Structure formats: structure tokens, C-alpha cells
Protein backbone atom coordinates (compact mmCIF):
# COMPACT_ATOMS: atom_id res chain seq x y z
CA MET A 1 -68.90 -45.82 -69.57
CA ASP A 2 -67.68 -46.78 -65.71
CA LEU A 3 -70.83 -47.21 -64.26
CA ASP A 4 -69.08 -47.18 -60.65
CA LEU A 5 -69.93 -51.03 -59.55
CA ALA A 6 -66.53 -52.15 -59.26
CA GLY A 7 -66.07 -53.72 -56.29
CA LYS A 8 -69.67 -53.49 -55.04
CA LYS A 9 -71.03 -57.11 -53.94
CA VAL A 10 -74.27 -57.64 -55.96
CA LEU A 11 -76.58 -61.25 -55.26
CA VAL A 12 -78.54 -62.10 -58.32
CA THR A 13 -81.29 -64.60 -57.19
CA GLY A 14 -82.37 -67.64 -59.58
CA SER A 15 -78.56 -67.13 -61.36
CA THR A 16 -77.33 -70.27 -62.75
CA SER A 17 -79.23 -69.68 -65.73
CA GLY A 18 -81.01 -67.59 -68.40
CA ILE A 19 -82.08 -64.02 -67.64
CA GLY A 20 -80.15 -64.58 -63.98
CA LYS A 21 -77.30 -66.27 -65.56
CA ALA A 22 -76.35 -63.05 -67.94
CA ILE A 23 -77.22 -60.53 -65.04
CA ALA A 24 -74.25 -62.21 -63.00
CA VAL A 25 -72.12 -62.14 -66.45
CA ALA A 26 -73.23 -58.46 -67.14
CA TYR A 27 -71.94 -57.23 -63.28
CA LEU A 28 -68.99 -59.34 -63.58
CA LYS A 29 -67.74 -57.42 -66.89
CA GLU A 30 -68.23 -54.12 -64.30
CA GLY A 31 -65.70 -55.53 -62.04
CA ALA A 32 -68.31 -56.16 -59.34
CA VAL A 33 -68.40 -59.16 -56.72
CA VAL A 34 -71.12 -61.68 -57.29
CA TYR A 35 -73.33 -63.89 -55.11
CA ILE A 36 -74.66 -66.59 -57.31
CA ASN A 37 -77.70 -68.00 -56.56
CA GLY A 38 -79.68 -71.12 -56.81
CA ARG A 39 -81.65 -74.51 -55.20
CA ASP A 40 -79.23 -76.92 -55.45
CA ASP A 41 -74.83 -76.51 -54.05
CA ALA A 42 -73.13 -78.15 -56.49
CA ARG A 43 -75.32 -76.52 -60.02
CA CYS A 44 -73.98 -73.20 -58.38
CA LYS A 45 -70.54 -74.00 -57.41
CA ALA A 46 -70.43 -75.46 -60.86
CA ILE A 47 -71.62 -71.73 -62.23
CA ALA A 48 -69.55 -70.20 -60.28
CA ASP A 49 -66.36 -71.77 -61.30
CA GLU A 50 -67.80 -71.82 -64.80
CA LEU A 51 -67.70 -67.65 -64.77
CA ALA A 52 -64.74 -67.17 -62.76
CA ALA A 53 -62.84 -68.75 -65.47
CA GLU A 54 -64.74 -67.45 -68.19
CA TYR A 55 -64.21 -63.77 -67.11
CA LYS A 56 -61.12 -64.27 -65.35
CA ALA A 57 -63.06 -63.00 -62.10
CA GLU A 58 -61.17 -65.24 -59.64
CA GLY A 59 -62.01 -64.25 -55.74
CA ARG A 60 -65.09 -62.29 -57.24
CA VAL A 61 -68.09 -65.30 -58.18
CA LYS A 62 -69.40 -66.30 -54.86
CA VAL A 63 -71.46 -69.40 -54.02
CA ALA A 64 -74.92 -68.38 -52.32
CA ALA A 65 -77.19 -71.74 -52.25
CA ALA A 66 -80.40 -71.16 -51.22
CA ASP A 67 -84.70 -72.34 -51.85
CA LEU A 68 -85.51 -69.05 -51.64
CA SER A 69 -89.38 -70.24 -51.42
CA ASP A 70 -88.09 -71.22 -48.39
CA ALA A 71 -88.17 -69.17 -45.13
CA ARG A 72 -85.58 -70.38 -43.08
CA GLN A 73 -83.25 -70.93 -46.29
CA ALA A 74 -83.32 -67.35 -47.14
CA ALA A 75 -82.90 -66.62 -43.49
CA ALA A 76 -80.08 -68.63 -43.14
CA LEU A 77 -78.71 -67.08 -46.67
CA ILE A 78 -79.17 -63.87 -44.97
CA GLU A 79 -76.76 -64.85 -42.18
CA ARG A 80 -74.09 -65.87 -44.72
CA LEU A 81 -74.28 -62.56 -46.16
CA ASN A 82 -74.33 -60.47 -43.39
CA ALA A 83 -71.19 -62.58 -42.04
CA ASP A 84 -69.60 -61.86 -45.30
CA GLY A 85 -70.48 -57.79 -44.86
CA GLY A 86 -73.79 -57.59 -46.94
CA VAL A 87 -74.56 -56.73 -50.20
CA ASP A 88 -74.37 -53.55 -51.83
CA ILE A 89 -76.82 -54.78 -55.00
CA LEU A 90 -79.82 -57.59 -54.66
CA VAL A 91 -81.61 -58.21 -58.24
CA ASN A 92 -84.35 -60.25 -57.34
CA ASN A 93 -84.83 -62.77 -60.21
CA THR A 94 -86.00 -66.13 -58.62
CA GLY A 95 -89.10 -67.02 -60.57
CA ILE A 96 -91.55 -69.57 -62.31
CA PHE A 97 -94.23 -69.70 -65.31
CA GLU A 98 -95.91 -71.86 -66.90
CA VAL A 99 -98.82 -71.89 -69.06
CA LYS A 100 -102.56 -73.28 -67.45
CA ALA A 101 -105.73 -72.87 -67.98
CA PHE A 102 -106.92 -70.13 -65.39
CA GLU A 103 -110.00 -72.74 -64.00
CA THR A 104 -107.27 -75.45 -63.43
CA ILE A 105 -105.11 -73.71 -61.69
CA THR A 106 -105.27 -74.50 -57.79
CA ASP A 107 -104.97 -72.77 -54.15
CA GLU A 108 -101.99 -74.49 -53.73
CA GLU A 109 -100.64 -73.53 -56.97
CA TRP A 110 -101.52 -69.53 -56.56
CA MET A 111 -99.74 -69.81 -53.17
CA HIS A 112 -96.82 -71.76 -54.56
CA TYR A 113 -96.62 -69.15 -57.53
CA PHE A 114 -96.81 -66.17 -54.65
CA ASN A 115 -94.22 -67.54 -52.48
CA VAL A 116 -91.62 -68.44 -55.12
CA ASN A 117 -92.50 -64.83 -57.24
CA ILE A 118 -93.12 -62.50 -54.48
CA MET A 119 -91.97 -63.50 -51.19
CA SER A 120 -88.34 -65.06 -52.13
CA ALA A 121 -87.68 -61.08 -52.84
CA VAL A 122 -90.33 -59.95 -50.01
CA ARG A 123 -87.86 -62.04 -47.77
CA LEU A 124 -84.43 -60.66 -49.12
CA SER A 125 -85.60 -56.93 -49.36
CA ARG A 126 -86.86 -56.90 -46.04
CA ALA A 127 -83.83 -58.27 -44.32
CA ILE A 128 -81.28 -56.12 -46.72
CA LEU A 129 -83.33 -53.20 -47.26
CA PRO A 130 -82.58 -51.23 -43.84
CA ASP A 131 -79.04 -52.07 -44.10
CA MET A 132 -78.44 -50.08 -47.37
CA LEU A 133 -80.93 -47.52 -45.91
CA GLU A 134 -78.47 -47.62 -42.46
CA ARG A 135 -75.15 -47.72 -44.90
CA GLY A 136 -76.58 -44.47 -47.32
CA PHE A 137 -76.31 -46.97 -50.19
CA GLY A 138 -77.56 -49.80 -52.03
CA ARG A 139 -79.50 -50.43 -54.75
CA ILE A 140 -82.35 -53.45 -55.56
CA VAL A 141 -84.27 -54.43 -58.87
CA ASN A 142 -87.03 -56.50 -59.15
CA VAL A 143 -87.45 -58.89 -61.76
CA SER A 144 -91.18 -58.38 -63.16
CA SER A 145 -92.17 -58.73 -66.57
CA GLU A 146 -94.04 -56.91 -69.85
CA CYS A 147 -97.00 -59.64 -68.34
CA ALA A 148 -96.99 -57.11 -65.33
CA ILE A 149 -98.54 -54.72 -67.17
CA LYS A 150 -100.29 -56.76 -70.28
CA PRO A 151 -101.51 -59.80 -68.24
CA LEU A 152 -102.03 -63.26 -69.87
CA GLY A 153 -104.81 -65.58 -69.86
CA GLN A 154 -103.13 -68.11 -70.41
CA MET A 155 -100.86 -67.15 -67.43
CA VAL A 156 -103.20 -65.58 -65.04
CA HIS A 157 -100.93 -66.84 -61.66
CA TYR A 158 -97.92 -65.92 -62.85
CA SER A 159 -98.83 -62.15 -64.63
CA VAL A 160 -101.22 -61.72 -61.18
CA THR A 161 -97.25 -62.14 -59.20
CA LYS A 162 -95.36 -59.76 -61.46
CA THR A 163 -97.96 -57.32 -61.25
CA ALA A 164 -97.37 -57.83 -57.48
CA LEU A 165 -93.73 -57.27 -58.30
CA LEU A 166 -93.93 -53.80 -59.55
CA SER A 167 -96.36 -52.52 -56.35
CA LEU A 168 -93.83 -53.81 -54.18
CA SER A 169 -91.09 -52.38 -55.51
CA ARG A 170 -92.66 -48.61 -56.08
CA ALA A 171 -93.80 -49.11 -52.11
CA LEU A 172 -90.44 -50.40 -51.25
CA SER A 173 -88.60 -46.90 -52.97
CA GLU A 174 -90.88 -44.73 -51.31
CA LEU A 175 -88.93 -45.59 -48.07
CA THR A 176 -85.69 -44.35 -49.65
CA LYS A 177 -85.73 -40.70 -49.82
CA GLY A 178 -83.01 -39.00 -49.20
CA LYS A 179 -80.55 -41.77 -49.04
CA ASP A 180 -78.84 -43.31 -52.52
CA VAL A 181 -80.73 -46.40 -52.42
CA THR A 182 -83.03 -47.01 -54.99
CA VAL A 183 -85.76 -49.60 -55.87
CA ASN A 184 -86.98 -50.47 -59.43
CA SER A 185 -88.16 -53.16 -61.65
CA VAL A 186 -87.46 -54.33 -65.02
CA LEU A 187 -89.88 -56.18 -67.26
CA PRO A 188 -88.74 -58.46 -70.26
CA GLY A 189 -91.26 -59.16 -72.39
CA PRO A 190 -90.36 -62.76 -74.35
CA THR A 191 -86.71 -63.77 -73.71
CA TRP A 192 -85.39 -66.47 -75.14
CA THR A 193 -84.09 -69.08 -72.39
CA ASP A 194 -84.81 -72.73 -71.21
CA GLY A 195 -87.71 -71.60 -69.80
CA VAL A 196 -88.84 -70.36 -72.33
CA GLU A 197 -88.23 -73.47 -74.75
CA ASN A 198 -90.38 -75.24 -72.39
CA TYR A 199 -93.35 -72.72 -72.54
CA PHE A 200 -93.35 -73.46 -76.47
CA ASP A 201 -93.42 -77.30 -75.90
CA THR A 202 -96.37 -76.85 -73.71
CA LEU A 203 -97.78 -74.48 -76.13
CA ALA A 204 -97.25 -76.58 -78.36
CA GLU A 205 -98.87 -80.04 -77.03
CA LYS A 206 -101.78 -77.43 -75.71
CA GLU A 207 -102.49 -76.04 -79.37
CA GLY A 208 -101.35 -79.44 -81.52
CA LYS A 209 -98.82 -77.67 -83.77
CA PRO A 210 -94.80 -78.74 -84.52
CA THR A 211 -92.71 -76.49 -81.73
CA ASP A 212 -90.74 -75.13 -84.68
CA GLU A 213 -93.65 -73.79 -86.38
CA LEU A 214 -94.85 -72.17 -82.98
CA ILE A 215 -91.45 -70.53 -82.68
CA SER A 216 -91.18 -69.15 -86.07
CA ASN A 217 -94.99 -67.44 -86.25
CA TYR A 218 -94.98 -66.35 -82.41
CA PHE A 219 -95.11 -62.73 -82.82
CA ALA A 220 -97.12 -62.96 -85.99
CA ASP A 221 -99.33 -65.02 -84.24
CA HIS A 222 -99.41 -63.94 -80.61
CA GLU A 223 -97.48 -60.37 -80.62
CA PRO A 224 -98.38 -58.69 -83.68
CA THR A 225 -97.49 -55.60 -81.56
CA SER A 226 -94.23 -56.24 -81.13
CA LEU A 227 -91.72 -53.80 -82.66
CA LEU A 228 -89.06 -56.08 -82.28
CA GLN A 229 -90.59 -59.24 -84.21
CA ARG A 230 -88.00 -61.67 -82.19
CA PHE A 231 -87.68 -62.96 -79.22
CA VAL A 232 -84.79 -60.71 -76.11
CA SER A 233 -81.53 -61.61 -75.44
CA VAL A 234 -81.32 -62.64 -71.68
CA GLU A 235 -78.45 -60.07 -72.72
CA GLU A 236 -80.56 -56.84 -73.32
CA VAL A 237 -82.10 -57.31 -70.01
CA ALA A 238 -79.02 -57.73 -68.08
CA LYS A 239 -77.77 -54.35 -69.73
CA ALA A 240 -80.91 -52.82 -68.63
CA THR A 241 -80.57 -54.32 -65.37
CA VAL A 242 -77.03 -52.72 -64.78
CA TYR A 243 -78.01 -49.83 -66.11
CA LEU A 244 -80.92 -49.55 -63.59
CA THR A 245 -78.36 -50.07 -60.85
CA SER A 246 -76.07 -47.26 -61.92
CA ASN A 247 -78.25 -44.36 -62.14
CA ARG A 248 -79.08 -42.66 -58.51
CA ALA A 249 -81.93 -40.39 -60.70
CA MET A 250 -83.74 -43.91 -61.32
CA ASN A 251 -85.71 -44.88 -58.59
CA GLY A 252 -89.11 -45.85 -58.03
CA GLN A 253 -89.42 -46.78 -61.60
CA SER A 254 -90.23 -49.64 -63.96
CA LEU A 255 -88.03 -50.23 -67.26
CA ARG A 256 -89.52 -52.26 -69.74
CA VAL A 257 -87.11 -54.19 -72.40
CA GLU A 258 -90.06 -55.94 -73.52
CA GLY A 259 -89.42 -54.66 -77.78
CA GLY A 260 -92.33 -52.22 -77.59
CA ILE A 261 -95.36 -54.91 -77.35
CA VAL A 262 -97.16 -52.62 -75.03
CA ARG A 263 -98.88 -50.27 -77.00
CA ALA A 264 -98.36 -47.15 -74.30
CA ILE A 265 -97.22 -43.46 -74.01
């Protein structure tokens, strides 16, 4: 199926590993031009070179290094993108998470989570959406989480920020009426990434159990409602993200890719 994405310019934030990297690969496979983003310029260049070689995408993988929790770095990145002709598709994937007891989360940590998980998306969307509306074409996808609609007590700060992303997405979609511009959210469930591996290491320490045991029993012990009964793959999240940006009728939507964990119609 031709998704009509060839030649489109795509910025995927937090795309040097995990879900973000898989999303970047999915767009490259569709013939898009993809900007790799992360905080470390050398790391972004290494990933860009790797993907360009692996997917025969020389000239279609570009570097867009910036720490998007820093307003000045975000503004500088936007300037560079505009000088390069702007972007057609923005995937706000940058985010952080950890397991931490609610009563120990400080004000500073709350603000840090808000700044990274929400304001990174706000800063880029605020700068890029008006240009999309003026040109009459654009796509924004905010990578949220199933925690947005099934908040976790062991990750309250993370859950709250992911819920806020849903509100941001729906509110911004209201600004797109009559334009070929869409704003959507994708909600991955437990997805196997390096970050999730670190999550299990932390959980193992907290519960005093071997990491391998926790992984093998995770769905029975922590997510018994899962219909998938395994971790979602980064490729599955990437396919859902690309789908959202290929369909004009999908706007203001929250697409769940969580394996049926959330019991809802």
C-alpha cells in the first residue's frame, strides 16, 4: 500500500534508540526524509549514518541534535529546520520515566517531568503547527502511553504527563478544521526497549526479586488484563504511528497500541 509519504520531511524526537528509532526506520521505509534527534550530536550522527547505510537512504537521514527540555536549544533547532524548508510530519516521542514512590517525588522532579514530557512537544508544536496550517498540510503525532488512561501508582508523575499529552493533542486538533493537517496521539503499552529493561532492574531491586523472574511473570503479576500477554515491539508502535499520519480522517484520535490491557469499549 502506498501511504503517500515519499519525500515528506519527518522529525522524530528522541529517535536514537527504542520506539523513536523504530519510528524513524518506518518512515525511511516509506521513502520519507527523516531527522534524527537526541541530546548528543555524535550519537545522532552515528545513528543517522547507520540507518542511511542499512536502508540505502543516503541523503534522506539528517541530524537534528538538541535537548528539547532546553527552550533555547529547541528554538535553535526550529531555526535550523526552517532554514531547511521546515517539516511535514512531527513525531513528539521524547520522554522519560522511572519507578518512584509518589511521596518521594519532589517539586523539582515534577517540573522536570513536565518540562521533558510535555513542554518538548509544546515548544515544537507551537513553532511548527502554524506553518503546517499555512501550507495546508501537516501531521503531528504525540507518543503518549497506556498510562495516560490507566495511571500507574508506581509512576504517578509519568502517568500524569502522558495524560496531559492526550489533552494537548486533542486541543491542537481543534485548530486544524478544514485543513489537511492532523494531530493525534499513539498510546503504546508495555514495550520492550532499553528503558523498560532499566525499569525491570529498578523494579527487581524494589521487590527483592531476580530480574529474569519479574520479566517472565510480568503480565501474570502486573498486567493480567493484557490480551497480548507479551511486550509490544517497537516496530508495532512504529507501524501505528505511520498509519496515523497516512490517513486524513484520523484526527484528534488516541490510538491504543497496548495489547488490550485497558478493558474498555
